[in-house]
Structures are given as structure tokens and as C-alpha cells.
Amino acid sequence: MNSSNIKKILILVTILAVPGFLYYLLQEKGKNRYKPLAIYGPKEVAKTFHSVRGKDVPDTIYHTIGDFKLTNQFGAPISWNKRAGKIFLIDLFHATDRGVAVDYASKAMAGFSKMYASNTMLHFLSVSINPTEDTPEVLKEYGETIAANHDRWDLLTGDSTAVYQLINKGLFLDAVKDVKGGETKFTYSNLFVLVDSQHRIRGYYEATNNEALSKLDDEIKVLIAEELRNMRDGR
């Protein structure tokens, strides 16, 4: 086998070996061509413009998740300002009377936390849908059972109105508390939400679906690459 064929095989092996996220990162004639993730939520056309190939194109105003003031498992106040410049992986949970779905999602979140332990751009937020019972003390104990890295992973509780404002109006997720016969049950969107540094929603992923979690892993990498490119370009 000549050197040319060996080189082609090595290139093919390299392409097949790298994560799927590199599909989004292409090069042509020395210039990066970039396929960014979608931006979710309502949007509107702005009165400002940007230039594309010499033509003025209207800017788009996308939905952003409004600021919030909640409390983490250590009783510390948490807001966007406290975690400025980060990208976020967010989920919903409840620490009391939790079931298989909650535990599966928490283990998946813990897995991502370990996987990206060396990447300080990514931060993790788990929002309790039962803030009345899930006090910081309860969340701290729960965090210890799932090995939540307190530097990178906030378990959040707080005023019920503020919590559900974030869940329903910010993340566009559902969470309903149902009390029947003295029993409390929660119905909620068991999804991971990927959020960029501008607090825009970039993806939803089923927390108990392995294929969705694999896609999430790829798209975290895509978003990190996008953020680094924006930093490089001064955007």
C-alpha cells in the first residue's frame, strides 16, 4: 500500500473517530463555515440591520430568559449576574419524594458535570419544582447524595412565584403540583435545557433518553465552539 492510500485511510479514520459535533465545524478556503444551534422561543424583527454579502438584513430579537433571584443549596443568592459569561445546562427536579425519572436525570446531570469538569465555561443549574419543601438544607443533603460539584452546580430554590416565573415564562417548561387525597404529585417537563451566555435557549433534550443525551453532549461542544468564536471575533 502506497503512502497516498495510507494517508487517505488515516484521514478517514480521524473523521470517523471525532465526535459528531465536528459536523458543524467546517473549513473552506481558510475560512470557518459555522452551523450554529437553533435559538428557541418567540422572536421579532428589529429595526436595526447587519450586512450579509453586501445586503442589509434585519436583525432578529430573540427570547432571553429574564434575570432571577433564587437561593442555592448553601443559602447563597444566585442570579445571572452571579454566573455571568457562562453557558448553562438546566433541569427541573424535586428532592422530596422523588422517583425514577428524577434520579435518572440527576445521574445524567452528574455525568455531564464530571465530563466537563475542566471546562469552566459550562455551569449547571437544577431548579426545584417544590421550593416550599426543598429548603437549602434539604438541597445540600440531596446534593451530597448525587455528588453535586458546588463550584459548578447550583441546586436552586426560593420564592414559589419567582421559581415558577423562571420555569414557565423563562424556560417555557411545565410544572404542576397536584394534591389529591392528601398526596402531592408533580407533573413536569423532564428535560435538559441548554442556554447560551446571552441567556437564549439553544436546545431541549429528554432527560431519560440516551439518544437525546448523546445529542446534548455533541451540542454542548457546538455551543462552546460558538461562544469561543464569538469571543475571538469580539461579539
Protein backbone atom coordinates (compact mmCIF):
# COMPACT_ATOMS: atom_id res chain seq x y z
CA MET A 1 0.00 0.00 0.00
CA ASN A 2 1.49 3.31 -1.05
CA SER A 3 1.81 6.37 1.18
CA SER A 4 -1.06 8.17 -0.58
CA ASN A 5 -3.53 5.39 0.27
CA ILE A 6 -2.28 5.21 3.85
CA LYS A 7 -2.77 8.96 4.19
CA LYS A 8 -6.35 8.69 2.89
CA ILE A 9 -7.14 5.90 5.35
CA LEU A 10 -5.71 7.88 8.27
CA ILE A 11 -7.80 10.91 7.32
CA LEU A 12 -10.93 8.74 7.11
CA VAL A 13 -10.23 7.12 10.48
CA THR A 14 -9.71 10.53 12.05
CA ILE A 15 -13.00 11.85 10.65
CA LEU A 16 -14.91 8.80 11.89
CA ALA A 17 -13.26 8.92 15.31
CA VAL A 18 -14.01 12.52 16.27
CA PRO A 19 -17.31 13.45 17.96
CA GLY A 20 -20.33 14.27 15.85
CA PHE A 21 -20.17 17.93 16.80
CA LEU A 22 -17.39 18.46 14.27
CA TYR A 23 -20.01 18.08 11.57
CA TYR A 24 -20.94 21.63 12.45
CA LEU A 25 -17.41 22.97 12.13
CA LEU A 26 -16.22 23.07 8.54
CA GLN A 27 -13.46 24.85 6.72
CA GLU A 28 -13.36 26.08 3.17
CA LYS A 29 -10.59 28.18 1.65
CA GLY A 30 -9.21 29.02 5.06
CA LYS A 31 -12.49 30.49 6.33
CA ASN A 32 -14.63 28.87 9.00
CA ARG A 33 -18.14 27.98 7.91
CA TYR A 34 -20.24 27.56 11.01
CA LYS A 35 -23.63 25.99 11.55
CA PRO A 36 -24.88 27.31 14.90
CA LEU A 37 -27.55 25.72 17.05
CA ALA A 38 -31.14 26.88 16.75
CA ILE A 39 -32.46 29.61 19.05
CA TYR A 40 -35.78 28.72 20.68
CA GLY A 41 -38.69 30.87 21.77
CA PRO A 42 -40.56 33.83 20.30
CA LYS A 43 -38.67 36.30 18.16
CA GLU A 44 -39.27 39.59 16.40
CA VAL A 45 -37.65 41.62 13.66
CA ALA A 46 -35.57 44.53 14.95
CA LYS A 47 -35.27 47.99 13.42
CA THR A 48 -31.52 47.53 13.06
CA PHE A 49 -29.67 45.78 10.25
CA HIS A 50 -26.49 43.84 9.56
CA SER A 51 -24.73 43.26 6.26
CA VAL A 52 -24.63 39.86 4.54
CA ARG A 53 -22.75 39.75 1.22
CA GLY A 54 -23.33 43.45 0.74
CA LYS A 55 -27.04 43.36 1.53
CA ASP A 56 -28.72 44.83 4.61
CA VAL A 57 -30.53 42.12 6.56
CA PRO A 58 -32.82 42.98 9.51
CA ASP A 59 -31.54 41.87 12.91
CA THR A 60 -33.63 39.45 14.97
CA ILE A 61 -34.52 39.91 18.62
CA TYR A 62 -34.70 36.51 20.31
CA HIS A 63 -36.30 35.46 23.56
CA THR A 64 -33.93 35.67 26.53
CA ILE A 65 -34.51 34.23 29.98
CA GLY A 66 -35.07 37.10 32.38
CA ASP A 67 -32.95 37.55 35.47
CA PHE A 68 -33.98 35.80 38.66
CA LYS A 69 -33.07 35.81 42.33
CA LEU A 70 -33.03 32.33 43.84
CA THR A 71 -31.02 30.55 46.52
CA ASN A 72 -28.68 27.59 46.13
CA GLN A 73 -28.02 24.62 48.39
CA PHE A 74 -25.63 26.67 50.52
CA GLY A 75 -28.04 29.54 51.07
CA ALA A 76 -26.17 31.80 48.63
CA PRO A 77 -28.16 34.14 46.36
CA ILE A 78 -27.92 33.16 42.69
CA SER A 79 -28.79 35.27 39.64
CA TRP A 80 -27.49 35.68 36.10
CA ASN A 81 -25.08 38.32 37.37
CA LYS A 82 -23.59 35.81 39.81
CA ARG A 83 -22.84 33.47 36.91
CA ALA A 84 -22.00 36.00 34.18
CA GLY A 85 -20.35 34.79 30.97
CA LYS A 86 -21.34 31.15 31.41
CA ILE A 87 -23.34 28.77 29.30
CA PHE A 88 -25.82 26.66 31.22
CA LEU A 89 -27.32 23.21 31.37
CA ILE A 90 -30.59 23.48 33.29
CA ASP A 91 -33.09 20.90 34.53
CA LEU A 92 -36.05 20.61 36.90
CA PHE A 93 -36.24 18.27 39.88
CA HIS A 94 -37.59 17.83 43.38
CA ALA A 95 -35.56 16.38 46.23
CA THR A 96 -38.50 15.11 48.30
CA ASP A 97 -40.45 12.00 47.27
CA ARG A 98 -38.53 11.77 44.04
CA GLY A 99 -38.98 8.92 41.59
CA VAL A 100 -37.02 7.05 38.94
CA ALA A 101 -37.21 9.88 36.40
CA VAL A 102 -35.75 12.43 38.83
CA ASP A 103 -32.94 10.10 39.86
CA TYR A 104 -32.11 9.24 36.24
CA ALA A 105 -31.95 12.91 35.27
CA SER A 106 -29.82 13.78 38.30
CA LYS A 107 -27.38 10.99 37.48
CA ALA A 108 -27.20 12.21 33.89
CA MET A 109 -26.54 15.77 35.08
CA ALA A 110 -23.84 14.46 37.43
CA GLY A 111 -22.30 12.64 34.47
CA PHE A 112 -22.14 15.83 32.41
CA SER A 113 -20.72 17.68 35.40
CA LYS A 114 -17.86 15.18 35.62
CA MET A 115 -17.38 15.05 31.85
CA TYR A 116 -16.95 18.83 31.64
CA ALA A 117 -15.23 19.29 34.99
CA SER A 118 -12.26 21.04 33.38
CA ASN A 119 -14.35 23.40 31.25
CA THR A 120 -15.27 26.41 33.35
CA MET A 121 -17.50 27.88 30.61
CA LEU A 122 -20.27 25.40 31.40
CA HIS A 123 -22.35 25.76 34.56
CA PHE A 124 -25.17 23.58 35.86
CA LEU A 125 -28.49 24.70 37.35
CA SER A 126 -31.14 22.39 38.80
CA VAL A 127 -34.36 24.18 39.72
CA SER A 128 -36.61 22.65 42.37
CA ILE A 129 -40.29 22.47 41.44
CA ASN A 130 -41.10 22.01 45.14
CA PRO A 131 -39.48 25.12 46.65
CA THR A 132 -41.68 25.08 49.75
CA GLU A 133 -40.23 21.79 50.98
CA ASP A 134 -36.89 21.86 49.18
CA THR A 135 -35.09 24.26 51.50
CA PRO A 136 -31.36 24.96 51.09
CA GLU A 137 -30.69 22.45 53.88
CA VAL A 138 -32.66 19.75 52.06
CA LEU A 139 -30.93 20.58 48.78
CA LYS A 140 -27.49 20.48 50.39
CA GLU A 141 -28.17 16.99 51.69
CA TYR A 142 -29.55 15.92 48.31
CA GLY A 143 -26.56 17.44 46.54
CA GLU A 144 -24.26 15.27 48.61
CA THR A 145 -26.10 12.12 47.51
CA ILE A 146 -25.56 12.95 43.84
CA ALA A 147 -22.03 14.33 44.29
CA ALA A 148 -23.00 17.78 43.01
CA ASN A 149 -19.88 19.91 42.50
CA HIS A 150 -20.82 23.05 44.45
CA ASP A 151 -18.46 25.22 42.38
CA ARG A 152 -20.19 24.28 39.12
CA TRP A 153 -23.67 23.08 40.04
CA ASP A 154 -26.34 25.13 41.81
CA LEU A 155 -29.44 23.41 43.19
CA LEU A 156 -31.95 26.24 43.30
CA THR A 157 -34.95 27.05 45.46
CA GLY A 158 -36.69 30.21 46.57
CA ASP A 159 -39.98 32.06 46.43
CA SER A 160 -42.54 29.93 44.57
CA THR A 161 -43.62 32.81 42.35
CA ALA A 162 -40.03 33.51 41.29
CA VAL A 163 -39.32 29.82 40.73
CA TYR A 164 -42.35 29.26 38.53
CA GLN A 165 -41.78 32.52 36.66
CA LEU A 166 -38.38 31.16 35.64
CA ILE A 167 -39.78 27.73 34.77
CA ASN A 168 -42.90 28.78 32.85
CA LYS A 169 -42.03 32.16 31.34
CA GLY A 170 -38.26 31.87 31.06
CA LEU A 171 -37.61 28.24 30.15
CA PHE A 172 -41.07 27.52 28.65
CA LEU A 173 -41.34 24.35 30.72
CA ASP A 174 -44.39 22.94 32.50
CA ALA A 175 -44.51 22.10 36.19
CA VAL A 176 -47.75 21.37 38.04
CA LYS A 177 -48.30 20.48 41.68
CA ASP A 178 -51.35 18.26 42.21
CA VAL A 179 -52.68 17.48 45.69
CA LYS A 180 -55.29 14.72 45.92
CA GLY A 181 -56.33 12.75 48.97
CA GLY A 182 -53.51 14.21 51.00
CA GLU A 183 -50.91 13.10 48.44
CA THR A 184 -48.79 15.53 46.47
CA LYS A 185 -47.72 14.67 42.95
CA PHE A 186 -45.71 16.70 40.47
CA THR A 187 -46.11 16.65 36.71
CA TYR A 188 -43.33 18.48 34.91
CA SER A 189 -41.19 18.68 31.79
CA ASN A 190 -38.31 16.31 32.49
CA LEU A 191 -35.98 18.00 30.02
CA PHE A 192 -32.49 19.40 29.93
CA VAL A 193 -32.31 22.95 28.59
CA LEU A 194 -29.11 24.28 27.00
CA VAL A 195 -28.72 28.06 27.40
CA ASP A 196 -26.04 30.32 25.94
CA SER A 197 -24.19 33.20 27.61
CA GLN A 198 -26.81 35.64 26.31
CA HIS A 199 -29.46 33.58 28.16
CA ARG A 200 -31.06 32.33 24.95
CA ILE A 201 -32.42 28.79 24.77
CA ARG A 202 -30.39 26.69 22.34
CA GLY A 203 -31.84 23.22 22.85
CA TYR A 204 -34.24 20.90 24.69
CA TYR A 205 -33.35 17.26 25.42
CA GLU A 206 -35.28 14.42 27.07
CA ALA A 207 -33.51 13.71 30.35
CA THR A 208 -34.24 9.97 30.27
CA ASN A 209 -33.46 9.32 26.60
CA ASN A 210 -29.93 8.12 25.88
CA GLU A 211 -30.04 9.22 22.25
CA ALA A 212 -31.12 12.71 23.32
CA LEU A 213 -28.34 12.81 25.92
CA SER A 214 -25.78 11.87 23.28
CA LYS A 215 -27.09 14.68 21.08
CA LEU A 216 -26.86 17.04 24.06
CA ASP A 217 -23.21 16.11 24.57
CA ASP A 218 -22.46 16.97 20.94
CA GLU A 219 -24.39 20.22 21.08
CA ILE A 220 -22.70 21.36 24.28
CA LYS A 221 -19.45 21.15 22.33
CA VAL A 222 -21.01 23.05 19.42
CA LEU A 223 -22.18 25.82 21.75
CA ILE A 224 -18.78 26.05 23.43
CA ALA A 225 -17.18 26.39 19.98
CA GLU A 226 -19.69 29.10 19.06
CA GLU A 227 -19.01 31.03 22.26
CA LEU A 228 -15.25 30.82 21.74
CA ARG A 229 -15.64 32.04 18.19
CA ASN A 230 -17.79 34.97 19.33
CA MET A 231 -15.15 35.86 21.92
CA ARG A 232 -12.45 35.71 19.27
CA ASP A 233 -14.47 37.93 16.95
CA GLY A 234 -15.31 40.37 19.74
CA ARG A 235 -19.05 39.64 19.62
